[in-house]
Amino acid sequence: MAKILIVDDESSIRELFRYVFEDAGHQVSLAGNGREALAAVQAERPDFMVLDVSMPVMTGKEFVAELGKLAARDPRYKGIPFVVMTGENFMEPELNRAFSTVKGFVCYFAKMTPPEAVLEKAAEAMV
């Protein structure tokens, strides 16, 4: 059983992914923005994260930057595997730079990707 953190400002997306990951036997935590996610990571380091890009309070890009600062102080937080779920064009150079060079980044998924595909990628990343 792995610890999964779902970070998305849309409650319906969080609940959908909670259901899929819990049904697969994982423990799931939820966060509605990057600030909540940062607190969740510090409370209980996840084994895998599903991260939205556009969120209020703290975006996915800002969260990854803050997580990098945390990892610089405490290596337990370095390289936590994560996928980015986005409705944005992830081929945009700025968005691509924001995540693709970060240790732990696995891949991008469009928001409408079936959750089972994300679950499969999570299983691969946590091996």
Foldseek 3Di string as FASTA:
>chain_A
DFEEEEEALDVVLQVLLCVVQVVVPYHYDYHNALVRVVVVCVVPNGQEYEAEADGPPHGRLRSLVVLVVVCVVPVVSAQRAYEYEYCDDCVPVVNVVSAVVGRRYQYYDYNPPPSVVVVVSSVVSSD
